């Protein structure tokens, strides 16, 4: 009988733990361990990129010849990232360090410092390329969210790589041309069903990351919750966002997995809105490549998620407590029965 009691108690406890873990995981950012770039650059030349999307473009160009590495690998915020000594060593040992080169985006590295004086750096973008966000008044550095810009970046990367490894020029240019065809096909797909159903959609965004993508898709942004990078919105601003959503009948909030969601959940509940969870970076939720990322974001816009009334952690706790209560009752029953 004691063995039977032990098994019942053990079974109930395991159920409680498994359910709690499953429920809690619903709010945990899923980080993928397998990406196409390396922890350290390998191959004919050593190429290091500042962020994962740049590393992916370099991977396409260097296919069969080199594998680049990324400093900001995916789940981190490139605006607030801090370099480790190992990152600095990898950058200094590279043959080519590729960055976007826009203010505020890669502030974790000071290329004017003496230690980087001999570093071969390719800056893909210029200040003039950025658009001023009409909702924030700031220049927006997230150019890579529009594949049209990416085509230019791919050309620039190829030119620099060929200068470093002229012996494989033909292979690099073939890889470049193949990838440009894929980007052109992506741009064509955006114009066709079901992706073209986003035209005329109106949304509120948590962060300005998706300005260029939403413009490309014909989506109008009615407000932005985080007005400036790293600053918390005021209560007055949140009230204005809520009023705008109600008045303008905005039913979708665009957010991203890298950002804390509690405030967004509350605004969504107050306005009966759904969440479209887009990502501007690789390395989460099985998003391995740039093209995967854009397609993932398109599908997220077309299939926004409902907001649960209760948080998963609270639900897990309540059900777990129920399992614990059932265990106590069963133990008491068999003890008195004996």
C-alpha atoms as a PDB file:
ATOM      1  CA  UNK A   1       0.000   0.000   0.000  1.00  0.00           C
ATOM      2  CA  UNK A   2       2.863   2.426   0.823  1.00  0.00           C
ATOM      3  CA  UNK A   3       4.329   1.759  -2.639  1.00  0.00           C
ATOM      4  CA  UNK A   4       0.970   2.524  -4.227  1.00  0.00           C
ATOM      5  CA  UNK A   5       0.678   5.767  -2.245  1.00  0.00           C
ATOM      6  CA  UNK A   6       4.169   6.758  -3.290  1.00  0.00           C
ATOM      7  CA  UNK A   7       3.377   6.151  -6.951  1.00  0.00           C
ATOM      8  CA  UNK A   8       0.198   8.229  -6.752  1.00  0.00           C
ATOM      9  CA  UNK A   9       2.009  11.103  -5.071  1.00  0.00           C
ATOM     10  CA  UNK A  10       4.892  10.900  -7.540  1.00  0.00           C
ATOM     11  CA  UNK A  11       2.531  10.798 -10.537  1.00  0.00           C
ATOM     12  CA  UNK A  12       0.584  13.834  -9.311  1.00  0.00           C
ATOM     13  CA  UNK A  13       3.762  15.795  -8.643  1.00  0.00           C
ATOM     14  CA  UNK A  14       5.171  15.005 -12.091  1.00  0.00           C
ATOM     15  CA  UNK A  15       1.930  16.103 -13.750  1.00  0.00           C
ATOM     16  CA  UNK A  16       2.039  19.357 -11.799  1.00  0.00           C
ATOM     17  CA  UNK A  17       5.659  20.048 -12.804  1.00  0.00           C
ATOM     18  CA  UNK A  18       5.123  19.178 -16.464  1.00  0.00           C
ATOM     19  CA  UNK A  19       2.013  21.293 -16.791  1.00  0.00           C
ATOM     20  CA  UNK A  20       3.633  24.233 -15.041  1.00  0.00           C
ATOM     21  CA  UNK A  21       6.721  24.011 -17.253  1.00  0.00           C
ATOM     22  CA  UNK A  22       4.579  23.789 -20.365  1.00  0.00           C
ATOM     23  CA  UNK A  23       2.439  26.734 -19.354  1.00  0.00           C
ATOM     24  CA  UNK A  24       5.345  28.933 -18.363  1.00  0.00           C
ATOM     25  CA  UNK A  25       7.145  28.167 -21.640  1.00  0.00           C
ATOM     26  CA  UNK A  26       4.322  29.895 -23.484  1.00  0.00           C
ATOM     27  CA  UNK A  27       5.784  33.231 -22.409  1.00  0.00           C
ATOM     28  CA  UNK A  28       9.461  32.314 -22.773  1.00  0.00           C
ATOM     29  CA  UNK A  29      11.420  33.516 -25.792  1.00  0.00           C
ATOM     30  CA  UNK A  30      12.426  30.467 -27.782  1.00  0.00           C
ATOM     31  CA  UNK A  31      16.082  30.750 -28.737  1.00  0.00           C
ATOM     32  CA  UNK A  32      17.327  28.453 -31.481  1.00  0.00           C
ATOM     33  CA  UNK A  33      20.802  27.035 -31.077  1.00  0.00           C
ATOM     34  CA  UNK A  34      21.369  26.166 -34.745  1.00  0.00           C
ATOM     35  CA  UNK A  35      21.968  29.026 -37.151  1.00  0.00           C
ATOM     36  CA  UNK A  36      23.767  29.160 -40.470  1.00  0.00           C
ATOM     37  CA  UNK A  37      26.661  31.281 -39.294  1.00  0.00           C
ATOM     38  CA  UNK A  38      29.454  30.099 -36.991  1.00  0.00           C
ATOM     39  CA  UNK A  39      30.530  30.941 -33.448  1.00  0.00           C
ATOM     40  CA  UNK A  40      33.824  32.009 -35.011  1.00  0.00           C
ATOM     41  CA  UNK A  41      34.481  32.760 -38.689  1.00  0.00           C
ATOM     42  CA  UNK A  42      35.865  29.916 -40.794  1.00  0.00           C
ATOM     43  CA  UNK A  43      36.966  29.319 -44.396  1.00  0.00           C
ATOM     44  CA  UNK A  44      38.953  31.200 -47.004  1.00  0.00           C
ATOM     45  CA  UNK A  45      38.561  34.540 -45.257  1.00  0.00           C
ATOM     46  CA  UNK A  46      37.432  35.493 -41.762  1.00  0.00           C
ATOM     47  CA  UNK A  47      34.250  37.567 -41.957  1.00  0.00           C
ATOM     48  CA  UNK A  48      32.482  38.909 -38.860  1.00  0.00           C
ATOM     49  CA  UNK A  49      29.140  40.735 -38.919  1.00  0.00           C
ATOM     50  CA  UNK A  50      27.714  43.032 -36.259  1.00  0.00           C
ATOM     51  CA  UNK A  51      24.220  41.457 -36.315  1.00  0.00           C
ATOM     52  CA  UNK A  52      22.745  38.140 -37.386  1.00  0.00           C
ATOM     53  CA  UNK A  53      20.910  39.357 -40.494  1.00  0.00           C
ATOM     54  CA  UNK A  54      24.170  40.688 -41.975  1.00  0.00           C
ATOM     55  CA  UNK A  55      25.858  37.376 -41.178  1.00  0.00           C
ATOM     56  CA  UNK A  56      23.095  35.599 -43.080  1.00  0.00           C
ATOM     57  CA  UNK A  57      23.662  37.697 -46.208  1.00  0.00           C
ATOM     58  CA  UNK A  58      27.393  37.015 -45.978  1.00  0.00           C
ATOM     59  CA  UNK A  59      26.647  33.306 -45.581  1.00  0.00           C
ATOM     60  CA  UNK A  60      24.772  33.338 -48.895  1.00  0.00           C
ATOM     61  CA  UNK A  61      27.655  35.066 -50.664  1.00  0.00           C
ATOM     62  CA  UNK A  62      30.346  32.872 -49.101  1.00  0.00           C
ATOM     63  CA  UNK A  63      28.539  29.544 -49.567  1.00  0.00           C
ATOM     64  CA  UNK A  64      31.122  26.811 -50.051  1.00  0.00           C
ATOM     65  CA  UNK A  65      34.015  29.165 -49.291  1.00  0.00           C
ATOM     66  CA  UNK A  66      33.589  30.725 -45.858  1.00  0.00           C
ATOM     67  CA  UNK A  67      31.171  30.864 -42.926  1.00  0.00           C
ATOM     68  CA  UNK A  68      30.905  34.230 -41.145  1.00  0.00           C
ATOM     69  CA  UNK A  69      30.227  34.870 -37.462  1.00  0.00           C
ATOM     70  CA  UNK A  70      27.849  37.376 -35.856  1.00  0.00           C
ATOM     71  CA  UNK A  71      28.530  39.435 -32.734  1.00  0.00           C
ATOM     72  CA  UNK A  72      24.860  39.997 -31.883  1.00  0.00           C
ATOM     73  CA  UNK A  73      23.606  36.512 -32.578  1.00  0.00           C
ATOM     74  CA  UNK A  74      19.836  36.885 -32.418  1.00  0.00           C
ATOM     75  CA  UNK A  75      17.937  37.179 -29.152  1.00  0.00           C
ATOM     76  CA  UNK A  76      19.921  40.150 -27.820  1.00  0.00           C
ATOM     77  CA  UNK A  77      18.969  43.775 -28.377  1.00  0.00           C
ATOM     78  CA  UNK A  78      21.622  45.299 -30.695  1.00  0.00           C
ATOM     79  CA  UNK A  79      20.915  48.759 -29.254  1.00  0.00           C
ATOM     80  CA  UNK A  80      21.956  47.765 -25.701  1.00  0.00           C
ATOM     81  CA  UNK A  81      24.408  44.916 -26.387  1.00  0.00           C
ATOM     82  CA  UNK A  82      27.757  44.890 -24.563  1.00  0.00           C
ATOM     83  CA  UNK A  83      30.916  43.377 -26.030  1.00  0.00           C
ATOM     84  CA  UNK A  84      32.705  40.538 -24.284  1.00  0.00           C
ATOM     85  CA  UNK A  85      36.517  40.202 -24.493  1.00  0.00           C
ATOM     86  CA  UNK A  86      35.999  37.186 -26.774  1.00  0.00           C
ATOM     87  CA  UNK A  87      33.875  39.331 -29.119  1.00  0.00           C
ATOM     88  CA  UNK A  88      36.592  41.979 -29.313  1.00  0.00           C
ATOM     89  CA  UNK A  89      39.228  39.342 -30.041  1.00  0.00           C
ATOM     90  CA  UNK A  90      37.088  37.843 -32.825  1.00  0.00           C
ATOM     91  CA  UNK A  91      36.502  41.256 -34.402  1.00  0.00           C
ATOM     92  CA  UNK A  92      40.184  42.201 -34.284  1.00  0.00           C
ATOM     93  CA  UNK A  93      41.234  38.912 -35.890  1.00  0.00           C
ATOM     94  CA  UNK A  94      38.747  39.222 -38.765  1.00  0.00           C
ATOM     95  CA  UNK A  95      39.659  39.998 -42.370  1.00  0.00           C
ATOM     96  CA  UNK A  96      36.404  41.912 -42.756  1.00  0.00           C
ATOM     97  CA  UNK A  97      34.033  43.361 -40.158  1.00  0.00           C
ATOM     98  CA  UNK A  98      30.609  44.244 -41.611  1.00  0.00           C
ATOM     99  CA  UNK A  99      28.270  46.653 -39.841  1.00  0.00           C
ATOM    100  CA  UNK A 100      25.176  48.683 -40.719  1.00  0.00           C
ATOM    101  CA  UNK A 101      27.086  51.782 -39.618  1.00  0.00           C
ATOM    102  CA  UNK A 102      24.098  53.800 -38.461  1.00  0.00           C
ATOM    103  CA  UNK A 103      23.878  55.965 -35.312  1.00  0.00           C
ATOM    104  CA  UNK A 104      22.517  54.215 -32.239  1.00  0.00           C
ATOM    105  CA  UNK A 105      22.406  50.752 -33.766  1.00  0.00           C
ATOM    106  CA  UNK A 106      25.932  49.512 -33.038  1.00  0.00           C
ATOM    107  CA  UNK A 107      26.858  51.853 -30.212  1.00  0.00           C
ATOM    108  CA  UNK A 108      28.489  48.922 -28.396  1.00  0.00           C
ATOM    109  CA  UNK A 109      31.649  49.426 -30.462  1.00  0.00           C
ATOM    110  CA  UNK A 110      33.729  52.570 -30.897  1.00  0.00           C
ATOM    111  CA  UNK A 111      35.542  52.122 -34.192  1.00  0.00           C
ATOM    112  CA  UNK A 112      37.479  55.339 -33.591  1.00  0.00           C
ATOM    113  CA  UNK A 113      39.311  53.682 -30.701  1.00  0.00           C
ATOM    114  CA  UNK A 114      42.990  53.046 -31.351  1.00  0.00           C
ATOM    115  CA  UNK A 115      42.668  49.277 -30.993  1.00  0.00           C
ATOM    116  CA  UNK A 116      40.497  49.187 -34.134  1.00  0.00           C
ATOM    117  CA  UNK A 117      42.703  51.465 -36.246  1.00  0.00           C
ATOM    118  CA  UNK A 118      43.814  48.663 -38.585  1.00  0.00           C
ATOM    119  CA  UNK A 119      40.432  46.927 -38.762  1.00  0.00           C
ATOM    120  CA  UNK A 120      38.928  46.416 -42.228  1.00  0.00           C
ATOM    121  CA  UNK A 121      35.352  47.703 -41.804  1.00  0.00           C
ATOM    122  CA  UNK A 122      32.514  47.718 -44.309  1.00  0.00           C
ATOM    123  CA  UNK A 123      29.662  50.080 -43.445  1.00  0.00           C
ATOM    124  CA  UNK A 124      26.614  49.053 -45.450  1.00  0.00           C
ATOM    125  CA  UNK A 125      24.382  52.077 -44.901  1.00  0.00           C
ATOM    126  CA  UNK A 126      24.672  55.842 -44.658  1.00  0.00           C
ATOM    127  CA  UNK A 127      22.815  58.399 -42.581  1.00  0.00           C
ATOM    128  CA  UNK A 128      21.123  59.812 -45.682  1.00  0.00           C
ATOM    129  CA  UNK A 129      19.526  56.442 -46.436  1.00  0.00           C
ATOM    130  CA  UNK A 130      17.440  56.530 -43.260  1.00  0.00           C
ATOM    131  CA  UNK A 131      13.901  57.873 -43.282  1.00  0.00           C
ATOM    132  CA  UNK A 132      12.604  60.156 -40.550  1.00  0.00           C
ATOM    133  CA  UNK A 133       9.857  58.332 -38.692  1.00  0.00           C
ATOM    134  CA  UNK A 134       6.799  60.629 -38.782  1.00  0.00           C
ATOM    135  CA  UNK A 135       5.540  59.197 -35.476  1.00  0.00           C
ATOM    136  CA  UNK A 136       8.744  59.723 -33.480  1.00  0.00           C
ATOM    137  CA  UNK A 137      10.619  62.433 -35.393  1.00  0.00           C
ATOM    138  CA  UNK A 138      13.773  60.266 -35.268  1.00  0.00           C
ATOM    139  CA  UNK A 139      15.790  58.736 -38.085  1.00  0.00           C
ATOM    140  CA  UNK A 140      15.002  55.030 -38.334  1.00  0.00           C
ATOM    141  CA  UNK A 141      18.042  52.691 -38.696  1.00  0.00           C
ATOM    142  CA  UNK A 142      16.162  49.413 -39.381  1.00  0.00           C
ATOM    143  CA  UNK A 143      16.747  49.543 -43.137  1.00  0.00           C
ATOM    144  CA  UNK A 144      17.185  45.785 -43.439  1.00  0.00           C
ATOM    145  CA  UNK A 145      13.453  45.276 -42.927  1.00  0.00           C
ATOM    146  CA  UNK A 146      12.990  46.235 -46.599  1.00  0.00           C
ATOM    147  CA  UNK A 147      14.486  43.668 -49.043  1.00  0.00           C
ATOM    148  CA  UNK A 148      15.063  46.439 -51.605  1.00  0.00           C
ATOM    149  CA  UNK A 149      17.794  47.875 -49.372  1.00  0.00           C
ATOM    150  CA  UNK A 150      19.169  44.396 -48.759  1.00  0.00           C
ATOM    151  CA  UNK A 151      19.837  43.916 -52.469  1.00  0.00           C
ATOM    152  CA  UNK A 152      22.214  46.896 -52.359  1.00  0.00           C
ATOM    153  CA  UNK A 153      23.857  45.580 -49.202  1.00  0.00           C
ATOM    154  CA  UNK A 154      24.456  42.184 -50.840  1.00  0.00           C
ATOM    155  CA  UNK A 155      26.192  43.877 -53.782  1.00  0.00           C
ATOM    156  CA  UNK A 156      28.431  45.841 -51.394  1.00  0.00           C
ATOM    157  CA  UNK A 157      29.387  42.767 -49.369  1.00  0.00           C
ATOM    158  CA  UNK A 158      30.261  40.844 -52.521  1.00  0.00           C
ATOM    159  CA  UNK A 159      32.531  43.631 -53.769  1.00  0.00           C
ATOM    160  CA  UNK A 160      34.510  43.676 -50.504  1.00  0.00           C
ATOM    161  CA  UNK A 161      34.754  39.887 -50.287  1.00  0.00           C
ATOM    162  CA  UNK A 162      36.091  39.665 -53.844  1.00  0.00           C
ATOM    163  CA  UNK A 163      38.803  42.224 -53.018  1.00  0.00           C
ATOM    164  CA  UNK A 164      39.947  39.942 -50.192  1.00  0.00           C
ATOM    165  CA  UNK A 165      39.757  36.696 -52.175  1.00  0.00           C
ATOM    166  CA  UNK A 166      40.000  37.475 -55.884  1.00  0.00           C
ATOM    167  CA  UNK A 167      40.790  33.850 -56.697  1.00  0.00           C
ATOM    168  CA  UNK A 168      37.157  32.907 -56.004  1.00  0.00           C
ATOM    169  CA  UNK A 169      35.515  35.922 -57.644  1.00  0.00           C
ATOM    170  CA  UNK A 170      33.374  33.803 -59.974  1.00  0.00           C
ATOM    171  CA  UNK A 171      31.979  31.704 -57.124  1.00  0.00           C
ATOM    172  CA  UNK A 172      31.170  34.743 -54.997  1.00  0.00           C
ATOM    173  CA  UNK A 173      29.406  36.502 -57.856  1.00  0.00           C
ATOM    174  CA  UNK A 174      27.427  33.367 -58.737  1.00  0.00           C
ATOM    175  CA  UNK A 175      26.308  33.055 -55.115  1.00  0.00           C
ATOM    176  CA  UNK A 176      25.372  36.734 -55.092  1.00  0.00           C
ATOM    177  CA  UNK A 177      23.284  36.456 -58.240  1.00  0.00           C
ATOM    178  CA  UNK A 178      21.444  33.387 -56.942  1.00  0.00           C
ATOM    179  CA  UNK A 179      20.571  35.164 -53.719  1.00  0.00           C
ATOM    180  CA  UNK A 180      19.420  38.295 -55.541  1.00  0.00           C
ATOM    181  CA  UNK A 181      16.964  36.116 -57.474  1.00  0.00           C
ATOM    182  CA  UNK A 182      15.607  34.813 -54.145  1.00  0.00           C
ATOM    183  CA  UNK A 183      15.181  38.369 -52.868  1.00  0.00           C
ATOM    184  CA  UNK A 184      13.411  39.392 -56.095  1.00  0.00           C
ATOM    185  CA  UNK A 185      11.071  36.410 -55.733  1.00  0.00           C
ATOM    186  CA  UNK A 186      10.353  37.459 -52.143  1.00  0.00           C
ATOM    187  CA  UNK A 187       9.442  40.964 -53.303  1.00  0.00           C
ATOM    188  CA  UNK A 188       7.128  39.478 -55.950  1.00  0.00           C
ATOM    189  CA  UNK A 189       5.456  37.233 -53.373  1.00  0.00           C
ATOM    190  CA  UNK A 190       4.725  40.248 -51.180  1.00  0.00           C
ATOM    191  CA  UNK A 191       2.619  41.712 -53.992  1.00  0.00           C
ATOM    192  CA  UNK A 192       0.495  38.569 -54.387  1.00  0.00           C
ATOM    193  CA  UNK A 193      -2.096  36.723 -52.288  1.00  0.00           C
ATOM    194  CA  UNK A 194      -2.170  36.083 -49.419  1.00  0.00           C
ATOM    195  CA  UNK A 195       0.531  38.583 -48.490  1.00  0.00           C
ATOM    196  CA  UNK A 196      -1.064  41.499 -50.349  1.00  0.00           C
ATOM    197  CA  UNK A 197      -4.018  41.311 -47.960  1.00  0.00           C
ATOM    198  CA  UNK A 198      -2.041  43.575 -45.628  1.00  0.00           C
ATOM    199  CA  UNK A 199      -2.603  46.591 -47.905  1.00  0.00           C
ATOM    200  CA  UNK A 200      -4.673  49.197 -46.082  1.00  0.00           C
ATOM    201  CA  UNK A 201      -4.269  47.543 -42.679  1.00  0.00           C
ATOM    202  CA  UNK A 202      -3.920  49.956 -39.740  1.00  0.00           C
ATOM    203  CA  UNK A 203      -1.879  49.030 -36.671  1.00  0.00           C
ATOM    204  CA  UNK A 204      -0.218  50.395 -33.560  1.00  0.00           C
ATOM    205  CA  UNK A 205       3.401  49.315 -33.072  1.00  0.00           C
ATOM    206  CA  UNK A 206       5.319  48.750 -29.868  1.00  0.00           C
ATOM    207  CA  UNK A 207       8.708  49.670 -31.330  1.00  0.00           C
ATOM    208  CA  UNK A 208       9.665  51.519 -34.566  1.00  0.00           C
ATOM    209  CA  UNK A 209      11.636  48.463 -35.854  1.00  0.00           C
ATOM    210  CA  UNK A 210       9.181  47.661 -38.633  1.00  0.00           C
ATOM    211  CA  UNK A 211       8.737  51.061 -40.305  1.00  0.00           C
ATOM    212  CA  UNK A 212      10.268  50.004 -43.635  1.00  0.00           C
ATOM    213  CA  UNK A 213       8.540  46.620 -43.807  1.00  0.00           C
ATOM    214  CA  UNK A 214       5.116  48.038 -42.965  1.00  0.00           C
ATOM    215  CA  UNK A 215       5.558  50.820 -45.522  1.00  0.00           C
ATOM    216  CA  UNK A 216       6.438  48.205 -48.127  1.00  0.00           C
ATOM    217  CA  UNK A 217       3.303  46.230 -47.254  1.00  0.00           C
ATOM    218  CA  UNK A 218       1.008  49.236 -47.421  1.00  0.00           C
ATOM    219  CA  UNK A 219       0.250  49.136 -43.692  1.00  0.00           C
ATOM    220  CA  UNK A 220      -0.497  52.395 -41.889  1.00  0.00           C
ATOM    221  CA  UNK A 221       0.947  52.880 -38.390  1.00  0.00           C
ATOM    222  CA  UNK A 222      -1.472  54.834 -36.240  1.00  0.00           C
ATOM    223  CA  UNK A 223       0.819  55.100 -33.219  1.00  0.00           C
ATOM    224  CA  UNK A 224       4.005  53.847 -31.606  1.00  0.00           C
ATOM    225  CA  UNK A 225       4.066  52.848 -27.933  1.00  0.00           C
ATOM    226  CA  UNK A 226       7.823  53.190 -27.360  1.00  0.00           C
ATOM    227  CA  UNK A 227       8.427  56.629 -28.774  1.00  0.00           C
ATOM    228  CA  UNK A 228      12.197  56.649 -28.301  1.00  0.00           C
ATOM    229  CA  UNK A 229      14.719  53.818 -28.012  1.00  0.00           C
ATOM    230  CA  UNK A 230      15.040  52.544 -24.454  1.00  0.00           C
ATOM    231  CA  UNK A 231      12.554  55.010 -22.924  1.00  0.00           C
ATOM    232  CA  UNK A 232       9.393  53.948 -21.114  1.00  0.00           C
ATOM    233  CA  UNK A 233       6.162  55.501 -22.406  1.00  0.00           C
ATOM    234  CA  UNK A 234       4.395  57.888 -20.041  1.00  0.00           C
ATOM    235  CA  UNK A 235       0.942  57.192 -18.661  1.00  0.00           C
ATOM    236  CA  UNK A 236      -0.360  60.079 -20.759  1.00  0.00           C
ATOM    237  CA  UNK A 237       1.131  58.604 -23.936  1.00  0.00           C
ATOM    238  CA  UNK A 238      -0.365  55.182 -23.202  1.00  0.00           C
ATOM    239  CA  UNK A 239      -3.767  56.809 -22.683  1.00  0.00           C
ATOM    240  CA  UNK A 240      -3.391  58.566 -26.041  1.00  0.00           C
ATOM    241  CA  UNK A 241      -2.513  55.257 -27.732  1.00  0.00           C
ATOM    242  CA  UNK A 242      -5.548  53.544 -26.210  1.00  0.00           C
ATOM    243  CA  UNK A 243      -7.845  56.405 -27.258  1.00  0.00           C
ATOM    244  CA  UNK A 244      -6.431  56.343 -30.792  1.00  0.00           C
ATOM    245  CA  UNK A 245      -6.988  52.606 -31.097  1.00  0.00           C
ATOM    246  CA  UNK A 246     -10.569  52.879 -29.878  1.00  0.00           C
ATOM    247  CA  UNK A 247     -11.411  55.957 -31.970  1.00  0.00           C
ATOM    248  CA  UNK A 248      -9.747  54.679 -35.151  1.00  0.00           C
ATOM    249  CA  UNK A 249     -10.884  51.082 -34.633  1.00  0.00           C
ATOM    250  CA  UNK A 250      -7.318  49.719 -34.637  1.00  0.00           C
ATOM    251  CA  UNK A 251      -7.453  46.027 -33.761  1.00  0.00           C
ATOM    252  CA  UNK A 252      -3.787  44.946 -34.086  1.00  0.00           C
ATOM    253  CA  UNK A 253      -0.700  45.784 -32.043  1.00  0.00           C
ATOM    254  CA  UNK A 254       2.625  44.918 -33.683  1.00  0.00           C
ATOM    255  CA  UNK A 255       5.174  43.769 -31.120  1.00  0.00           C
ATOM    256  CA  UNK A 256       8.203  41.468 -31.051  1.00  0.00           C
ATOM    257  CA  UNK A 257       9.397  38.524 -28.939  1.00  0.00           C
ATOM    258  CA  UNK A 258      12.496  40.414 -27.755  1.00  0.00           C
ATOM    259  CA  UNK A 259      10.382  42.954 -25.831  1.00  0.00           C
ATOM    260  CA  UNK A 260       8.667  42.602 -22.442  1.00  0.00           C
ATOM    261  CA  UNK A 261       4.970  42.041 -23.107  1.00  0.00           C
ATOM    262  CA  UNK A 262       3.099  42.961 -19.895  1.00  0.00           C
ATOM    263  CA  UNK A 263       2.313  46.536 -20.963  1.00  0.00           C
ATOM    264  CA  UNK A 264       1.340  45.367 -24.442  1.00  0.00           C
ATOM    265  CA  UNK A 265      -1.001  42.730 -23.009  1.00  0.00           C
ATOM    266  CA  UNK A 266      -2.736  45.367 -20.907  1.00  0.00           C
ATOM    267  CA  UNK A 267      -3.223  47.748 -23.841  1.00  0.00           C
ATOM    268  CA  UNK A 268      -4.506  44.859 -25.978  1.00  0.00           C
ATOM    269  CA  UNK A 269      -7.038  43.911 -23.293  1.00  0.00           C
ATOM    270  CA  UNK A 270      -8.164  47.520 -22.869  1.00  0.00           C
ATOM    271  CA  UNK A 271      -8.764  47.868 -26.620  1.00  0.00           C
ATOM    272  CA  UNK A 272      -9.812  44.296 -27.464  1.00  0.00           C
ATOM    273  CA  UNK A 273      -6.862  44.095 -29.868  1.00  0.00           C
ATOM    274  CA  UNK A 274      -4.819  41.159 -31.131  1.00  0.00           C
ATOM    275  CA  UNK A 275      -1.024  40.863 -31.190  1.00  0.00           C
ATOM    276  CA  UNK A 276       1.081  40.407 -34.313  1.00  0.00           C
ATOM    277  CA  UNK A 277       4.480  39.246 -33.042  1.00  0.00           C
ATOM    278  CA  UNK A 278       7.110  40.136 -35.637  1.00  0.00           C
ATOM    279  CA  UNK A 279      10.877  39.815 -35.313  1.00  0.00           C
ATOM    280  CA  UNK A 280      13.602  42.107 -36.721  1.00  0.00           C
ATOM    281  CA  UNK A 281      16.332  39.571 -35.875  1.00  0.00           C
ATOM    282  CA  UNK A 282      17.186  35.933 -36.465  1.00  0.00           C
ATOM    283  CA  UNK A 283      17.629  33.172 -33.914  1.00  0.00           C
ATOM    284  CA  UNK A 284      14.144  32.769 -32.451  1.00  0.00           C
ATOM    285  CA  UNK A 285      11.116  30.579 -33.134  1.00  0.00           C
ATOM    286  CA  UNK A 286      12.827  28.632 -35.948  1.00  0.00           C
ATOM    287  CA  UNK A 287      13.713  31.773 -37.907  1.00  0.00           C
ATOM    288  CA  UNK A 288      17.097  30.879 -39.396  1.00  0.00           C
ATOM    289  CA  UNK A 289      17.476  33.132 -42.458  1.00  0.00           C
ATOM    290  CA  UNK A 290      16.615  36.644 -43.558  1.00  0.00           C
ATOM    291  CA  UNK A 291      14.024  35.409 -46.049  1.00  0.00           C
ATOM    292  CA  UNK A 292      12.526  33.152 -43.363  1.00  0.00           C
ATOM    293  CA  UNK A 293      12.289  36.216 -41.122  1.00  0.00           C
ATOM    294  CA  UNK A 294      10.371  38.342 -43.634  1.00  0.00           C
ATOM    295  CA  UNK A 295       7.987  35.465 -44.404  1.00  0.00           C
ATOM    296  CA  UNK A 296       7.517  34.821 -40.672  1.00  0.00           C
ATOM    297  CA  UNK A 297       6.636  38.491 -40.145  1.00  0.00           C
ATOM    298  CA  UNK A 298       4.169  38.469 -43.034  1.00  0.00           C
ATOM    299  CA  UNK A 299       2.374  35.446 -41.621  1.00  0.00           C
ATOM    300  CA  UNK A 300       2.330  37.005 -38.141  1.00  0.00           C
ATOM    301  CA  UNK A 301       0.587  40.076 -39.573  1.00  0.00           C
ATOM    302  CA  UNK A 302      -1.991  37.916 -41.325  1.00  0.00           C
ATOM    303  CA  UNK A 303      -2.628  35.761 -38.231  1.00  0.00           C
ATOM    304  CA  UNK A 304      -2.489  37.968 -35.121  1.00  0.00           C
ATOM    305  CA  UNK A 305      -2.895  36.237 -31.748  1.00  0.00           C
ATOM    306  CA  UNK A 306      -5.641  36.626 -29.191  1.00  0.00           C
ATOM    307  CA  UNK A 307      -4.595  37.875 -25.746  1.00  0.00           C
ATOM    308  CA  UNK A 308      -5.448  35.529 -22.893  1.00  0.00           C
ATOM    309  CA  UNK A 309      -7.371  37.027 -19.999  1.00  0.00           C
ATOM    310  CA  UNK A 310      -5.142  35.298 -17.457  1.00  0.00           C
ATOM    311  CA  UNK A 311      -1.397  34.916 -17.601  1.00  0.00           C
ATOM    312  CA  UNK A 312      -0.011  31.446 -18.245  1.00  0.00           C
ATOM    313  CA  UNK A 313       2.031  31.449 -15.053  1.00  0.00           C
ATOM    314  CA  UNK A 314      -1.032  32.122 -12.915  1.00  0.00           C
ATOM    315  CA  UNK A 315      -3.003  29.450 -14.744  1.00  0.00           C
ATOM    316  CA  UNK A 316      -0.186  26.962 -14.260  1.00  0.00           C
ATOM    317  CA  UNK A 317      -0.018  27.764 -10.559  1.00  0.00           C
ATOM    318  CA  UNK A 318      -3.752  27.264 -10.072  1.00  0.00           C
ATOM    319  CA  UNK A 319      -3.815  23.938 -11.888  1.00  0.00           C
ATOM    320  CA  UNK A 320      -0.614  22.824 -10.188  1.00  0.00           C
ATOM    321  CA  UNK A 321      -2.162  23.640  -6.833  1.00  0.00           C
ATOM    322  CA  UNK A 322      -5.187  21.560  -7.819  1.00  0.00           C
ATOM    323  CA  UNK A 323      -2.948  18.579  -8.547  1.00  0.00           C
ATOM    324  CA  UNK A 324      -1.275  19.044  -5.173  1.00  0.00           C
ATOM    325  CA  UNK A 325      -4.678  19.152  -3.451  1.00  0.00           C
ATOM    326  CA  UNK A 326      -5.756  15.987  -5.239  1.00  0.00           C
ATOM    327  CA  UNK A 327      -2.593  14.256  -4.048  1.00  0.00           C
ATOM    328  CA  UNK A 328      -3.278  15.223  -0.445  1.00  0.00           C
ATOM    329  CA  UNK A 329      -6.859  13.969  -0.684  1.00  0.00           C
ATOM    330  CA  UNK A 330      -5.773  10.653  -2.200  1.00  0.00           C
ATOM    331  CA  UNK A 331      -3.106  10.155   0.446  1.00  0.00           C
ATOM    332  CA  UNK A 332      -5.642  10.874   3.202  1.00  0.00           C
ATOM    333  CA  UNK A 333      -8.192   8.547   1.657  1.00  0.00           C
ATOM    334  CA  UNK A 334      -5.892   5.558   1.452  1.00  0.00           C
ATOM    335  CA  UNK A 335      -4.426   6.219   4.910  1.00  0.00           C
ATOM    336  CA  UNK A 336      -7.848   6.223   6.582  1.00  0.00           C
ATOM    337  CA  UNK A 337      -9.030   3.298   4.444  1.00  0.00           C
ATOM    338  CA  UNK A 338      -6.109   1.254   5.684  1.00  0.00           C
END
